[in-house]
N, C-alpha and C. Protein backbone atom coordinates (compact mmCIF):
# COMPACT_ATOMS: atom_id res chain seq x y z
N MET A 1 -74.26 -19.65 -124.51
CA MET A 1 -75.65 -19.28 -124.29
C MET A 1 -75.87 -19.02 -122.80
N THR A 2 -76.46 -17.88 -122.49
CA THR A 2 -76.77 -17.54 -121.12
C THR A 2 -78.13 -18.12 -120.77
N ILE A 3 -78.17 -18.83 -119.66
CA ILE A 3 -79.41 -19.45 -119.20
C ILE A 3 -80.06 -18.52 -118.19
N GLU A 4 -81.31 -18.12 -118.45
CA GLU A 4 -82.05 -17.30 -117.50
C GLU A 4 -82.65 -18.20 -116.44
N HIS A 5 -82.60 -17.73 -115.21
CA HIS A 5 -83.21 -18.49 -114.11
C HIS A 5 -84.63 -17.99 -113.89
N HIS A 6 -85.54 -18.92 -113.84
CA HIS A 6 -86.96 -18.58 -113.74
C HIS A 6 -87.59 -19.06 -112.44
N ASP A 7 -86.78 -19.15 -111.37
CA ASP A 7 -87.40 -19.56 -110.12
C ASP A 7 -88.43 -18.50 -109.73
N LEU A 8 -89.47 -18.93 -109.04
CA LEU A 8 -90.62 -18.07 -108.77
C LEU A 8 -90.25 -16.85 -107.94
N LEU A 9 -89.37 -17.00 -106.97
CA LEU A 9 -88.98 -15.86 -106.15
C LEU A 9 -88.18 -14.84 -106.96
N HIS A 10 -87.45 -15.29 -107.94
CA HIS A 10 -86.72 -14.38 -108.83
C HIS A 10 -87.68 -13.69 -109.79
N GLU A 11 -88.68 -14.41 -110.22
CA GLU A 11 -89.67 -13.86 -111.15
C GLU A 11 -90.64 -12.89 -110.48
N LEU A 12 -90.98 -13.15 -109.21
CA LEU A 12 -91.98 -12.34 -108.50
C LEU A 12 -91.46 -11.90 -107.13
N PRO A 13 -90.37 -11.17 -107.07
CA PRO A 13 -89.77 -10.82 -105.78
C PRO A 13 -90.68 -9.99 -104.88
N GLU A 14 -91.58 -9.22 -105.47
CA GLU A 14 -92.48 -8.39 -104.68
C GLU A 14 -93.51 -9.21 -103.91
N HIS A 15 -93.63 -10.50 -104.24
CA HIS A 15 -94.60 -11.38 -103.57
C HIS A 15 -93.92 -12.42 -102.69
N ARG A 16 -92.68 -12.19 -102.33
CA ARG A 16 -91.89 -13.15 -101.56
C ARG A 16 -92.61 -13.64 -100.29
N GLU A 17 -93.13 -12.71 -99.51
CA GLU A 17 -93.80 -13.09 -98.25
C GLU A 17 -95.05 -13.91 -98.52
N ARG A 18 -95.84 -13.48 -99.48
CA ARG A 18 -97.09 -14.19 -99.79
C ARG A 18 -96.80 -15.59 -100.33
N ILE A 19 -95.76 -15.72 -101.13
CA ILE A 19 -95.38 -17.03 -101.65
C ILE A 19 -95.02 -17.96 -100.49
N HIS A 20 -94.26 -17.45 -99.54
CA HIS A 20 -93.88 -18.26 -98.38
C HIS A 20 -95.12 -18.69 -97.60
N GLU A 21 -96.02 -17.75 -97.36
CA GLU A 21 -97.26 -18.06 -96.61
C GLU A 21 -98.06 -19.15 -97.32
N LEU A 22 -98.18 -19.04 -98.63
CA LEU A 22 -98.95 -20.02 -99.38
C LEU A 22 -98.24 -21.38 -99.41
N LYS A 23 -96.93 -21.38 -99.52
CA LYS A 23 -96.18 -22.65 -99.51
C LYS A 23 -96.41 -23.40 -98.21
N VAL A 24 -96.47 -22.67 -97.12
CA VAL A 24 -96.62 -23.27 -95.79
C VAL A 24 -98.08 -23.64 -95.51
N GLY A 25 -99.01 -22.80 -95.97
CA GLY A 25 -100.40 -22.98 -95.57
C GLY A 25 -101.35 -23.54 -96.61
N ASN A 26 -100.87 -23.79 -97.82
CA ASN A 26 -101.77 -24.25 -98.87
C ASN A 26 -101.09 -25.41 -99.61
N ALA A 27 -101.57 -26.61 -99.37
CA ALA A 27 -100.95 -27.81 -99.94
C ALA A 27 -100.98 -27.80 -101.47
N HIS A 28 -102.06 -27.31 -102.05
CA HIS A 28 -102.15 -27.27 -103.52
C HIS A 28 -101.10 -26.31 -104.08
N PHE A 29 -100.98 -25.13 -103.48
CA PHE A 29 -99.96 -24.17 -103.91
C PHE A 29 -98.58 -24.79 -103.77
N ALA A 30 -98.31 -25.44 -102.66
CA ALA A 30 -96.99 -26.05 -102.41
C ALA A 30 -96.68 -27.09 -103.48
N ARG A 31 -97.67 -27.90 -103.86
CA ARG A 31 -97.46 -28.91 -104.88
C ARG A 31 -97.15 -28.27 -106.23
N LEU A 32 -97.94 -27.24 -106.61
CA LEU A 32 -97.69 -26.54 -107.87
C LEU A 32 -96.33 -25.84 -107.85
N PHE A 33 -95.98 -25.26 -106.72
CA PHE A 33 -94.69 -24.58 -106.56
C PHE A 33 -93.55 -25.56 -106.80
N ASP A 34 -93.63 -26.73 -106.16
CA ASP A 34 -92.59 -27.74 -106.34
C ASP A 34 -92.52 -28.23 -107.79
N GLU A 35 -93.68 -28.42 -108.40
CA GLU A 35 -93.71 -28.86 -109.80
C GLU A 35 -93.11 -27.78 -110.71
N TYR A 36 -93.46 -26.52 -110.45
CA TYR A 36 -92.92 -25.41 -111.24
C TYR A 36 -91.39 -25.41 -111.18
N HIS A 37 -90.85 -25.60 -109.98
CA HIS A 37 -89.40 -25.56 -109.84
C HIS A 37 -88.72 -26.78 -110.46
N GLN A 38 -89.38 -27.92 -110.44
CA GLN A 38 -88.82 -29.09 -111.10
C GLN A 38 -88.81 -28.90 -112.62
N VAL A 39 -89.89 -28.38 -113.15
CA VAL A 39 -89.96 -28.12 -114.59
C VAL A 39 -88.91 -27.08 -114.97
N THR A 40 -88.73 -26.06 -114.14
CA THR A 40 -87.72 -25.04 -114.40
C THR A 40 -86.32 -25.66 -114.46
N LYS A 41 -86.02 -26.55 -113.52
CA LYS A 41 -84.73 -27.23 -113.54
C LYS A 41 -84.57 -28.07 -114.80
N ASP A 42 -85.64 -28.75 -115.19
CA ASP A 42 -85.60 -29.56 -116.41
C ASP A 42 -85.32 -28.68 -117.63
N VAL A 43 -86.01 -27.56 -117.73
CA VAL A 43 -85.83 -26.66 -118.87
C VAL A 43 -84.40 -26.10 -118.88
N GLU A 44 -83.89 -25.73 -117.73
CA GLU A 44 -82.52 -25.21 -117.67
C GLU A 44 -81.52 -26.27 -118.13
N ARG A 45 -81.76 -27.52 -117.78
CA ARG A 45 -80.88 -28.60 -118.23
C ARG A 45 -80.97 -28.76 -119.75
N MET A 46 -82.18 -28.62 -120.28
CA MET A 46 -82.36 -28.71 -121.73
C MET A 46 -81.68 -27.54 -122.43
N GLU A 47 -81.86 -26.35 -121.91
CA GLU A 47 -81.27 -25.16 -122.52
C GLU A 47 -79.74 -25.19 -122.51
N SER A 48 -79.19 -25.74 -121.45
CA SER A 48 -77.73 -25.80 -121.35
C SER A 48 -77.17 -27.04 -122.05
N GLU A 49 -78.07 -27.82 -122.64
CA GLU A 49 -77.73 -29.02 -123.40
C GLU A 49 -77.08 -30.11 -122.54
N ILE A 50 -77.33 -30.05 -121.24
CA ILE A 50 -76.93 -31.14 -120.36
C ILE A 50 -77.81 -32.34 -120.67
N GLU A 51 -79.06 -32.04 -120.99
CA GLU A 51 -80.04 -33.07 -121.35
C GLU A 51 -80.58 -32.72 -122.74
N PRO A 52 -79.90 -33.18 -123.79
CA PRO A 52 -80.34 -32.84 -125.15
C PRO A 52 -81.71 -33.43 -125.47
N VAL A 53 -82.58 -32.59 -125.99
CA VAL A 53 -83.93 -33.01 -126.40
C VAL A 53 -84.29 -32.25 -127.66
N SER A 54 -85.39 -32.63 -128.26
CA SER A 54 -85.85 -31.91 -129.45
C SER A 54 -86.35 -30.53 -129.05
N THR A 55 -86.36 -29.65 -130.01
CA THR A 55 -86.87 -28.30 -129.77
C THR A 55 -88.33 -28.36 -129.34
N GLN A 56 -89.08 -29.26 -129.92
CA GLN A 56 -90.49 -29.40 -129.58
C GLN A 56 -90.66 -29.79 -128.11
N THR A 57 -89.86 -30.74 -127.64
CA THR A 57 -89.93 -31.16 -126.24
C THR A 57 -89.60 -30.00 -125.32
N GLU A 58 -88.56 -29.27 -125.65
CA GLU A 58 -88.17 -28.12 -124.83
C GLU A 58 -89.28 -27.07 -124.79
N GLU A 59 -89.87 -26.78 -125.94
CA GLU A 59 -90.94 -25.79 -126.00
C GLU A 59 -92.18 -26.24 -125.23
N GLU A 60 -92.48 -27.53 -125.28
CA GLU A 60 -93.62 -28.05 -124.53
C GLU A 60 -93.40 -27.89 -123.02
N ARG A 61 -92.17 -28.15 -122.56
CA ARG A 61 -91.85 -27.99 -121.13
C ARG A 61 -91.93 -26.52 -120.74
N LYS A 62 -91.49 -25.64 -121.60
CA LYS A 62 -91.58 -24.20 -121.31
C LYS A 62 -93.04 -23.76 -121.22
N LEU A 63 -93.87 -24.27 -122.11
CA LEU A 63 -95.29 -23.95 -122.08
C LEU A 63 -95.94 -24.47 -120.80
N HIS A 64 -95.57 -25.68 -120.39
CA HIS A 64 -96.08 -26.24 -119.14
C HIS A 64 -95.66 -25.36 -117.97
N ARG A 65 -94.41 -24.91 -117.97
CA ARG A 65 -93.92 -24.03 -116.90
C ARG A 65 -94.73 -22.74 -116.87
N LEU A 66 -95.04 -22.20 -118.03
CA LEU A 66 -95.82 -20.97 -118.11
C LEU A 66 -97.22 -21.17 -117.53
N HIS A 67 -97.85 -22.29 -117.83
CA HIS A 67 -99.18 -22.58 -117.28
C HIS A 67 -99.12 -22.70 -115.76
N LEU A 68 -98.08 -23.36 -115.25
CA LEU A 68 -97.92 -23.46 -113.80
C LEU A 68 -97.73 -22.09 -113.18
N LYS A 69 -96.91 -21.27 -113.80
CA LYS A 69 -96.66 -19.92 -113.28
C LYS A 69 -97.95 -19.11 -113.27
N ASP A 70 -98.77 -19.23 -114.32
CA ASP A 70 -100.05 -18.53 -114.36
C ASP A 70 -100.96 -18.96 -113.21
N GLN A 71 -101.01 -20.26 -112.94
CA GLN A 71 -101.83 -20.76 -111.83
C GLN A 71 -101.32 -20.24 -110.49
N LEU A 72 -100.01 -20.31 -110.31
CA LEU A 72 -99.41 -19.83 -109.05
C LEU A 72 -99.66 -18.33 -108.87
N TYR A 73 -99.46 -17.57 -109.93
CA TYR A 73 -99.65 -16.12 -109.85
C TYR A 73 -101.11 -15.79 -109.51
N ALA A 74 -102.04 -16.49 -110.11
CA ALA A 74 -103.46 -16.27 -109.81
C ALA A 74 -103.75 -16.54 -108.34
N MET A 75 -103.15 -17.57 -107.80
CA MET A 75 -103.34 -17.89 -106.37
C MET A 75 -102.72 -16.81 -105.49
N ILE A 76 -101.58 -16.30 -105.89
CA ILE A 76 -100.91 -15.25 -105.11
C ILE A 76 -101.75 -13.98 -105.10
N ILE A 77 -102.23 -13.58 -106.25
CA ILE A 77 -103.03 -12.35 -106.38
C ILE A 77 -104.36 -12.50 -105.64
N LYS A 78 -104.98 -13.65 -105.76
CA LYS A 78 -106.26 -13.89 -105.09
C LYS A 78 -106.11 -13.83 -103.58
N ALA A 79 -104.98 -14.26 -103.08
CA ALA A 79 -104.74 -14.30 -101.65
C ALA A 79 -104.46 -12.92 -101.06
N ASP A 80 -104.03 -11.97 -101.89
CA ASP A 80 -103.71 -10.63 -101.37
C ASP A 80 -104.94 -9.84 -100.99
C-alpha cells in the first residue's frame, strides 16, 4: 500500500510563503499547523499498519485532519 503524504506544504505549495508568515506571526495558526502535522503522522502510522487501529478510529483521525486543514486553509486565504 502506498501512503500519501499530506503535509500542508505538499498539499498547498502555492501558499508556501504565506504559510511560513502565519507560522511565525500567528500563534493560533502555528498551533493548528503543529496539530495538523501530528495528526498526519498518526494517520500515516495507521495506514502503514505500524500502529494498528480500527477502521473507525482511522477514519475519525482523517476527518479531524480534514477539519484542521479547512481551518488552516481559511486562515491562509483570509490573510492574502
